[in-house]
Protein backbone atom coordinates (compact mmCIF):
# COMPACT_ATOMS: atom_id res chain seq x y z
CA MET A 1 45.58 46.08 -17.77
CA HIS A 2 46.02 44.43 -14.46
CA THR A 3 42.40 43.33 -14.63
CA CYS A 4 42.87 41.78 -18.06
CA LEU A 5 45.89 39.86 -16.78
CA ASP A 6 43.92 38.46 -13.84
CA THR A 7 41.11 37.41 -16.11
CA PHE A 8 43.52 35.63 -18.46
CA LEU A 9 45.25 33.79 -15.61
CA SER A 10 41.91 32.70 -14.17
CA LEU A 11 40.80 31.25 -17.51
CA LEU A 12 44.13 29.48 -17.90
CA PHE A 13 43.84 27.93 -14.40
CA ARG A 14 40.31 26.68 -15.02
CA THR A 15 41.33 25.20 -18.37
CA ALA A 16 44.26 23.36 -16.77
CA SER A 17 42.08 22.11 -13.93
CA ALA A 18 39.49 20.80 -16.40
CA SER A 19 42.21 19.04 -18.37
CA LEU A 20 43.60 17.37 -15.24
CA GLU A 21 40.12 16.30 -14.14
CA GLY A 22 39.49 14.75 -17.54
CA ARG A 23 42.74 12.83 -17.37
CA ARG A 24 41.92 11.58 -13.85
CA ILE A 25 38.50 10.37 -14.99
CA THR A 26 40.07 8.59 -17.98
CA VAL A 27 42.61 6.81 -15.74
CA VAL A 28 39.89 5.72 -13.30
CA ALA A 29 37.77 4.44 -16.19
CA HIS A 30 40.68 2.43 -17.55
CA GLU A 31 41.44 0.96 -14.11
CA LYS A 32 37.79 -0.02 -13.66
CA ALA A 33 37.72 -1.65 -17.07
CA ASN A 34 40.85 -3.66 -16.25
CA THR A 35 39.36 -4.72 -12.92
CA ASP A 36 36.13 -5.87 -14.58
CA ALA A 37 38.09 -7.82 -17.16
CA ARG A 38 40.15 -9.56 -14.48
CA THR A 39 36.98 -10.39 -12.50
CA SER A 40 35.27 -11.84 -15.57
CA SER A 41 38.34 -13.90 -16.43
CA GLY A 42 38.53 -15.25 -12.85
CA GLN A 43 34.88 -16.25 -12.92
CA ASP A 44 35.38 -18.11 -16.19
CA LEU A 45 38.32 -19.99 -14.70
CA ASP A 46 36.26 -20.94 -11.62
CA VAL A 47 33.44 -22.28 -13.80
CA LEU A 48 35.90 -24.29 -15.90
CA ALA A 49 37.55 -25.74 -12.78
CA ALA A 50 34.15 -26.67 -11.37
CA ILE A 51 33.31 -28.45 -14.61
CA HIS A 52 36.61 -30.33 -14.39
CA TYR A 53 35.94 -31.44 -10.81
CA ILE A 54 32.42 -32.58 -11.67
CA ALA A 55 33.73 -34.48 -14.68
CA ILE A 56 36.45 -36.12 -12.57
CA PHE A 57 33.88 -37.18 -9.98
CA LEU A 58 31.58 -38.66 -12.64
CA LEU A 59 34.47 -40.51 -14.24
CA ILE A 60 35.49 -42.02 -10.90
CA VAL A 61 31.90 -43.15 -10.34
CA MET A 62 31.76 -44.72 -13.81
CA SER A 63 35.11 -46.41 -13.24
CA ALA A 64 33.86 -47.84 -9.95
CA ILE A 65 30.63 -49.11 -11.55
CA ALA A 66 32.37 -50.72 -14.53
CA SER A 67 35.18 -52.26 -12.48
CA GLY A 68 32.88 -53.60 -9.76
CA LEU A 69 30.33 -55.02 -12.19
CA THR A 70 33.07 -56.71 -14.21
CA LEU A 71 34.04 -58.76 -11.18
CA GLY A 72 30.55 -59.13 -9.73
CA LEU A 73 28.52 -60.06 -12.82
CA MET A 74 31.19 -62.27 -14.36
CA SER A 75 31.41 -64.26 -11.12
CA LEU A 76 27.72 -65.17 -11.45
CA ASP A 77 27.56 -67.92 -14.06
CA LYS A 78 24.29 -68.88 -15.71
CA VAL A 79 23.98 -72.18 -13.84
CA SER A 80 24.23 -70.47 -10.45
CA LEU A 81 21.67 -67.85 -11.47
CA ASP A 82 19.31 -70.54 -12.77
CA VAL A 83 19.62 -72.45 -9.49
CA ILE A 84 18.78 -69.30 -7.51
CA VAL A 85 15.75 -68.61 -9.72
CA ARG A 86 14.43 -72.17 -9.39
CA ALA A 87 14.96 -72.16 -5.62
CA GLY A 88 12.95 -68.96 -5.29
CA ASP A 89 10.14 -70.18 -7.53
CA ARG A 90 9.41 -73.38 -5.60
CA SER A 91 6.61 -73.53 -3.08
CA GLY A 92 7.70 -72.87 0.48
CA ALA A 93 10.61 -70.62 -0.54
CA THR A 94 11.77 -68.20 2.14
CA LYS A 95 11.58 -64.43 1.74
CA ASP A 96 15.34 -64.25 1.23
CA GLU A 97 15.19 -66.91 -1.51
CA VAL A 98 12.38 -65.04 -3.27
CA MET A 99 14.36 -61.78 -3.21
CA LYS A 100 17.47 -63.50 -4.55
CA ALA A 101 15.44 -65.16 -7.29
CA LYS A 102 14.04 -61.78 -8.35
CA ALA A 103 17.56 -60.32 -8.53
CA ALA A 104 18.90 -63.32 -10.47
CA ARG A 105 16.03 -63.12 -12.94
CA ARG A 106 16.97 -59.50 -13.74
CA ILE A 107 20.63 -60.38 -14.26
CA LEU A 108 20.12 -63.43 -16.50
CA PRO A 109 19.31 -61.50 -19.74
CA VAL A 110 22.50 -59.38 -19.58
CA ARG A 111 24.56 -62.37 -18.43
CA ALA A 112 23.38 -64.54 -21.34
CA ASP A 113 25.98 -63.11 -23.76
CA SER A 114 28.98 -63.24 -21.45
CA ASN A 115 31.58 -62.05 -23.95
CA LEU A 116 29.53 -59.00 -24.96
CA LEU A 117 29.01 -58.12 -21.29
CA LEU A 118 32.71 -58.51 -20.54
CA THR A 119 33.76 -56.44 -23.55
CA THR A 120 31.30 -53.65 -22.71
CA LEU A 121 32.44 -53.33 -19.11
CA VAL A 122 36.15 -53.55 -19.95
CA LEU A 123 35.82 -50.91 -22.69
CA THR A 124 34.04 -48.62 -20.24
CA THR A 125 36.75 -49.12 -17.63
CA VAL A 126 39.59 -48.50 -20.09
CA ALA A 127 37.97 -45.39 -21.59
CA VAL A 128 37.20 -43.84 -18.21
CA ASN A 129 40.60 -44.62 -16.72
CA SER A 130 42.32 -43.16 -19.81
CA LEU A 131 40.33 -39.91 -19.70
CA LEU A 132 40.67 -39.34 -15.96
CA PRO A 133 44.44 -38.53 -15.92
CA ILE A 134 43.96 -36.05 -18.77
CA LEU A 135 41.40 -34.04 -16.80
CA ILE A 136 43.45 -34.16 -13.61
CA ALA A 137 46.56 -33.00 -15.51
CA ASP A 138 44.71 -29.82 -16.59
CA LEU A 139 44.31 -28.85 -12.93
CA THR A 140 47.71 -29.86 -11.60
CA SER A 141 51.25 -30.48 -12.71
CA GLY A 142 52.20 -33.64 -14.53
CA LEU A 143 53.72 -35.50 -11.55
CA VAL A 144 50.94 -34.49 -9.15
CA GLY A 145 48.33 -35.45 -11.73
CA PHE A 146 49.94 -38.87 -12.17
CA PHE A 147 49.90 -39.68 -8.45
CA ALA A 148 46.42 -38.21 -7.97
CA SER A 149 44.87 -40.19 -10.83
CA THR A 150 46.65 -43.38 -9.75
CA ILE A 151 45.41 -43.12 -6.16
CA LEU A 152 41.84 -42.22 -7.18
CA ILE A 153 41.60 -45.05 -9.69
CA LEU A 154 43.24 -47.59 -7.36
CA ILE A 155 41.14 -46.87 -4.29
CA PHE A 156 37.79 -45.61 -5.57
CA GLY A 157 37.85 -47.15 -9.04
CA GLU A 158 39.16 -50.64 -8.27
CA ILE A 159 39.62 -51.77 -4.66
CA VAL A 160 36.45 -50.43 -3.02
CA PRO A 161 33.95 -51.34 -5.78
CA GLN A 162 35.46 -54.77 -6.40
CA SER A 163 35.47 -55.50 -2.68
CA LEU A 164 31.78 -54.61 -2.43
CA CYS A 165 30.71 -56.39 -5.61
CA SER A 166 32.58 -59.57 -4.75
CA ARG A 167 30.57 -59.83 -1.52
CA HIS A 168 27.21 -58.57 -2.79
CA ALA A 169 27.36 -59.41 -6.49
CA LEU A 170 23.71 -60.46 -6.77
CA SER A 171 22.09 -57.46 -5.09
CA ILE A 172 24.42 -54.82 -6.55
CA GLY A 173 24.40 -56.36 -10.02
CA SER A 174 20.60 -56.43 -10.19
CA ARG A 175 20.38 -52.73 -9.27
CA PHE A 176 22.80 -51.70 -12.03
CA VAL A 177 21.26 -53.79 -14.82
CA PRO A 178 19.72 -50.64 -16.46
CA VAL A 179 23.16 -48.97 -16.46
CA VAL A 180 24.69 -52.03 -18.10
CA LYS A 181 21.99 -52.02 -20.79
CA VAL A 182 22.68 -48.34 -21.57
CA LEU A 183 26.44 -48.95 -21.77
CA ARG A 184 25.90 -51.97 -23.98
CA LEU A 185 23.71 -49.91 -26.33
CA VAL A 186 26.20 -47.02 -26.52
CA LEU A 187 29.29 -49.19 -26.97
CA TYR A 188 27.63 -51.84 -29.14
CA PRO A 189 29.41 -50.80 -32.39
CA PHE A 190 32.77 -51.27 -30.66
CA ALA A 191 31.97 -54.10 -28.24
CA LYS A 192 30.11 -56.43 -30.58
CA PRO A 193 33.01 -57.07 -33.02
CA VAL A 194 35.35 -57.78 -30.11
CA SER A 195 32.86 -60.11 -28.43
CA TYR A 196 32.25 -61.91 -31.72
CA ALA A 197 35.99 -62.45 -32.08
CA LEU A 198 36.06 -63.89 -28.56
CA ASP A 199 33.17 -66.22 -29.40
CA CYS A 200 35.06 -67.53 -32.42
CA THR A 201 38.41 -67.96 -30.65
CA VAL A 202 37.90 -68.80 -26.98
CA GLY A 203 34.20 -69.66 -27.11
CA GLU A 204 31.40 -68.93 -24.67
CA ASN A 205 32.00 -68.69 -20.96
CA VAL A 206 31.99 -72.16 -19.36
CA ASP A 207 29.48 -72.55 -16.53
CA THR A 208 30.55 -74.15 -13.28
CA MET A 209 29.57 -77.82 -13.06
CA PHE A 210 30.52 -80.28 -10.31
CA THR A 211 31.26 -83.98 -10.41
CA LYS A 212 29.58 -86.29 -7.91
CA ARG A 213 32.68 -86.38 -5.75
CA GLU A 214 32.89 -82.57 -5.80
CA LEU A 215 29.22 -82.32 -4.90
CA GLN A 216 29.78 -84.65 -1.95
CA LYS A 217 32.63 -82.45 -0.73
CA LEU A 218 30.41 -79.41 -1.21
CA VAL A 219 27.74 -81.05 0.95
CA ASP A 220 30.38 -81.86 3.59
CA ILE A 221 31.35 -78.18 3.69
CA HIS A 222 27.70 -77.18 4.15
CA VAL A 223 27.37 -79.69 6.99
CA ARG A 224 30.52 -78.42 8.72
CA ARG A 225 29.28 -74.85 8.46
CA LYS A 226 25.89 -75.94 9.82
CA VAL A 227 23.98 -74.95 6.70
CA MET A 228 22.72 -78.54 6.48
CA HIS A 229 21.86 -81.05 9.18
CA PRO A 230 24.32 -83.98 9.33
CA ASP A 231 21.54 -86.48 8.59
CA GLU A 232 20.59 -84.52 5.47
CA GLY A 233 24.21 -84.48 4.37
CA HIS A 234 24.55 -88.24 4.85
CA ILE A 235 21.39 -88.92 2.85
CA VAL A 236 22.46 -86.66 -0.02
CA CYS A 237 25.95 -88.18 -0.18
CA GLY A 238 24.55 -91.70 0.07
CA ALA A 239 22.04 -91.06 -2.72
CA MET A 240 24.83 -89.83 -4.99
CA SER A 241 27.19 -92.74 -4.33
CA TYR A 242 25.04 -95.87 -3.89
CA LYS A 243 24.37 -96.51 -7.61
CA ASN A 244 27.96 -97.33 -8.44
CA LYS A 245 28.37 -99.76 -5.55
CA VAL A 246 27.86 -103.50 -6.03
CA VAL A 247 25.76 -105.87 -3.97
CA SER A 248 28.83 -107.62 -2.59
CA ASP A 249 29.54 -104.44 -0.61
CA ILE A 250 26.31 -104.60 1.40
CA MET A 251 24.92 -108.14 1.13
CA ILE A 252 24.32 -110.44 4.07
CA PRO A 253 26.79 -113.36 3.71
CA ALA A 254 25.33 -116.79 3.03
CA ASP A 255 26.65 -118.25 6.30
CA LYS A 256 24.58 -115.71 8.26
CA LEU A 257 21.29 -116.39 6.48
CA PHE A 258 18.33 -118.09 8.13
CA THR A 259 17.02 -120.63 5.63
CA LEU A 260 14.90 -123.77 5.74
CA PRO A 261 15.49 -127.02 3.87
CA ILE A 262 12.48 -128.48 2.14
CA SER A 263 13.92 -131.90 2.89
CA PHE A 264 16.88 -133.22 4.82
CA SER A 265 19.09 -136.24 4.38
CA THR A 266 18.78 -139.28 6.62
CA LEU A 267 21.49 -141.94 6.48
CA GLN A 268 20.01 -145.42 6.65
CA VAL A 269 21.34 -148.96 6.09
CA VAL A 270 19.36 -150.90 3.51
CA LEU A 271 20.58 -154.43 2.67
CA PHE A 272 23.93 -153.72 4.29
CA CYS A 273 24.37 -150.56 2.14
CA HIS A 274 24.42 -146.97 3.28
CA VAL A 275 21.64 -145.06 1.51
CA ASP A 276 20.83 -141.34 1.71
CA LEU A 277 17.12 -140.85 2.08
CA TYR A 278 15.46 -137.45 2.14
CA ALA A 279 12.73 -136.64 4.62
CA SER A 280 10.53 -133.59 4.19
CA THR A 281 10.71 -130.80 6.74
CA ILE A 282 7.49 -130.70 8.73
CA LEU A 283 5.94 -127.41 9.85
CA ASN A 284 5.35 -128.55 13.40
CA MET A 285 5.45 -126.51 16.58
CA GLU A 286 9.24 -126.70 16.93
CA VAL A 287 9.85 -125.38 13.41
CA LEU A 288 7.29 -122.62 13.87
CA LYS A 289 8.94 -121.60 17.16
CA MET A 290 12.32 -121.45 15.42
CA ILE A 291 10.86 -119.26 12.68
CA TYR A 292 9.22 -116.99 15.22
CA ASN A 293 12.38 -116.62 17.33
CA ASN A 294 14.44 -115.51 14.33
CA GLY A 295 11.88 -112.84 13.53
CA TYR A 296 12.35 -112.66 9.75
CA SER A 297 9.46 -111.82 7.44
CA ARG A 298 10.88 -113.73 4.42
CA ILE A 299 12.65 -117.08 4.54
CA PRO A 300 14.50 -118.72 1.64
CA VAL A 301 13.78 -122.43 1.31
CA TRP A 302 16.11 -124.80 -0.51
CA ASN A 303 16.00 -128.32 -1.83
CA LYS A 304 19.16 -130.44 -2.00
CA ASP A 305 21.64 -127.87 -0.71
CA GLN A 306 21.70 -124.20 0.20
CA ASN A 307 22.75 -123.22 -3.31
CA ASP A 308 19.50 -124.68 -4.65
CA VAL A 309 17.01 -122.14 -3.32
CA VAL A 310 13.58 -122.91 -4.78
CA GLY A 311 11.61 -119.99 -3.40
CA ILE A 312 10.86 -117.47 -0.68
CA VAL A 313 8.28 -118.14 2.03
CA PHE A 314 6.55 -115.22 3.74
CA THR A 315 6.22 -115.66 7.47
CA LYS A 316 2.76 -114.07 7.45
CA ASP A 317 1.48 -116.96 5.30
CA LEU A 318 2.26 -119.39 8.12
CA ILE A 319 -0.97 -118.26 9.76
CA TYR A 320 -2.66 -120.90 7.61
CA VAL A 321 -0.55 -123.67 9.15
CA ASP A 322 -1.89 -125.87 11.92
CA PRO A 323 1.19 -127.18 13.78
CA ASN A 324 -0.75 -130.27 14.83
CA GLN A 325 -1.35 -131.40 11.23
CA ASP A 326 2.33 -131.94 10.39
CA ILE A 327 2.14 -130.14 7.04
CA PRO A 328 5.27 -130.73 4.92
CA LEU A 329 7.21 -127.61 4.03
CA MET A 330 7.37 -128.85 0.44
CA ALA A 331 3.58 -128.85 0.16
CA PHE A 332 3.34 -125.45 1.80
CA ALA A 333 6.05 -123.96 -0.43
CA ARG A 334 4.38 -125.35 -3.54
CA VAL A 335 1.32 -123.20 -2.72
CA PHE A 336 2.66 -120.12 -0.96
CA ALA A 337 6.33 -119.69 -1.92
CA VAL A 338 7.29 -117.06 -4.49
CA ALA A 339 10.15 -117.34 -6.93
CA ALA A 340 13.48 -116.06 -5.70
CA HIS A 341 15.04 -113.24 -7.69
CA ARG A 342 18.67 -114.00 -8.47
CA ILE A 343 21.38 -111.43 -9.13
CA TRP A 344 25.11 -111.64 -9.68
CA LEU A 345 27.78 -110.73 -7.21
CA ASP A 346 28.85 -107.67 -9.19
CA ALA A 347 25.36 -106.27 -9.82
CA GLN A 348 25.12 -102.54 -9.12
CA LEU A 349 22.78 -101.29 -6.43
CA GLY A 350 21.06 -98.89 -8.82
CA GLU A 351 19.96 -101.79 -11.03
CA VAL A 352 18.80 -103.85 -8.05
CA LEU A 353 16.80 -100.93 -6.64
CA SER A 354 15.06 -100.53 -10.00
CA VAL A 355 13.96 -104.18 -9.76
CA PHE A 356 12.75 -103.70 -6.19
CA LYS A 357 10.79 -100.58 -7.16
CA MET A 358 8.72 -102.60 -9.63
CA GLY A 359 7.17 -104.31 -6.60
CA SER A 360 7.65 -107.94 -7.64
CA THR A 361 10.14 -108.58 -4.84
CA HIS A 362 12.08 -106.78 -2.13
CA MET A 363 14.68 -109.51 -1.70
CA ALA A 364 17.29 -110.93 -4.04
CA LEU A 365 19.69 -113.85 -3.73
CA VAL A 366 23.28 -113.11 -4.68
CA TYR A 367 25.04 -115.79 -6.73
CA ASP A 368 28.49 -116.29 -8.15
CA VAL A 369 29.36 -118.68 -10.94
CA ASN A 370 32.41 -120.88 -11.29
CA ASN A 371 32.82 -122.02 -14.89
CA SER A 372 36.58 -122.50 -14.96
CA GLY A 373 36.46 -126.29 -15.23
CA PRO A 374 35.31 -128.55 -18.06
CA SER A 375 32.10 -129.46 -16.23
CA ASP A 376 28.90 -127.46 -16.08
CA PRO A 377 29.05 -124.05 -14.40
CA LEU A 378 28.69 -124.18 -10.65
CA TYR A 379 26.37 -121.57 -9.16
CA LYS A 380 27.09 -120.80 -5.54
CA LEU A 381 24.94 -118.75 -3.17
CA LYS A 382 27.03 -115.90 -1.78
CA GLY A 383 24.49 -113.95 0.17
CA LEU A 384 21.26 -112.02 0.18
CA VAL A 385 20.34 -108.37 -0.31
CA THR A 386 17.07 -106.65 0.56
CA LEU A 387 15.46 -103.30 -0.10
CA GLU A 388 16.24 -102.35 3.48
CA ASP A 389 19.96 -102.92 2.86
CA ILE A 390 19.93 -100.50 -0.08
CA VAL A 391 17.94 -97.92 1.89
CA GLU A 392 20.48 -98.18 4.71
CA GLU A 393 23.26 -97.57 2.20
CA ILE A 394 21.47 -94.43 0.98
CA LEU A 395 20.78 -93.19 4.50
CA GLN A 396 24.33 -94.06 5.57
CA SER A 397 22.96 -95.47 8.83
CA LYS A 398 21.57 -98.69 10.24
CA ILE A 399 17.79 -99.10 10.39
CA THR A 400 16.80 -100.89 13.58
CA ASP A 401 13.20 -102.05 13.35
CA GLU A 402 10.98 -103.59 15.98
CA ILE A 403 12.18 -107.15 15.38
CA ASP A 404 15.88 -106.27 15.70
CA SER A 405 15.77 -104.80 19.20
CA LEU A 406 16.94 -106.80 22.21
CA GLU A 407 13.61 -106.27 23.92
CA ALA A 408 11.75 -107.75 20.94
CA ARG A 409 14.01 -110.82 20.86
CA GLN A 410 13.55 -111.41 24.57
CA LYS A 411 9.79 -111.05 24.19
CA ARG A 412 9.71 -113.60 21.38
CA GLN A 413 11.80 -115.99 23.42
CA ASN A 414 9.47 -115.66 26.41
CA CYS A 415 6.45 -116.25 24.20
CA THR A 416 7.88 -119.42 22.70
CA ASN A 417 8.82 -120.72 26.15
CA GLN A 418 5.22 -120.37 27.24
CA ILE A 419 3.91 -122.34 24.26
CA ARG A 420 3.65 -126.06 24.87
């Protein structure tokens, strides 16, 4: 009986031990399952956070691109781009000009419709900047998300890209032309109606154009910054301003002209009466010396008074004159003199230059008319203007040729003193 009791107790102990072991295994299995579930849930959260961070980074990049290109591309108007393209296409263009022309040529197609470009970039900026705080708020609290999104958009979405694009609009804009085309294609259903409304209300973007005065100031700035040589700046400014000036501004006054009378008055007494007789000017040695000493290539000749100029004599034609033959100036002028071109005191230099360019004459006499009285109008010689005077006005400097120098005048004087 004792043996049966031992056997029963042994079986009972083994059964209890097996039951406890089974419970321990079940608990361990449950703990392992819970651990695996927590690990899987943590991994899912890490993947989701990583996706959020990547999305935030991409949105900041898109915000920077859209914001920078809005400032950069819109600052490049079509006239400026066309100027850059033409400068790079000309012969003798520098390497830098060729590169800029290539960049401008890529930008021109997307810049053609300015309102559509502006609407596309602004829509992109607004959409990105609206989505960015939502993603940041999922990772942080509301207040932290607000400050984080504000700082990220301000620094990396606005200040930095706009600072770069404002300084390098041409190079950066040309590189992102494909991105702009993709954005324009994606947002076209939304951007086109808005841009059409802008076209109808405010119109197309106005290109920058300068007046003549503004262009002159622009040239002055280039000269001060040593982009242009001062002589180049003077010529450009003179060429833009000379047309509106009148001949009275640059003419040689009549009292400073060297002219020759065809005849001169001699007062004689005939039958106790004073009579004015006119004697013809003779091209003798003294007259030829006087012409040579003055050194002019064209000489106006007049008849009764200086207002009655009958023609222009070329000094080179005097080579046919023998000073010993006492040839009258009237006879010489009848053969060799050319008609004098007359202009009014208020004639514009542009009109006078057009006459000179035709080649008929390079000298014009400036007249003024007085028709206030009842008598016939009185035409008075006021001065003379030459092609050289207009060229000097364009060049904004005095042209000193070989006959104007002191050495040349002294040489002419010495030569005439040696001639008997």
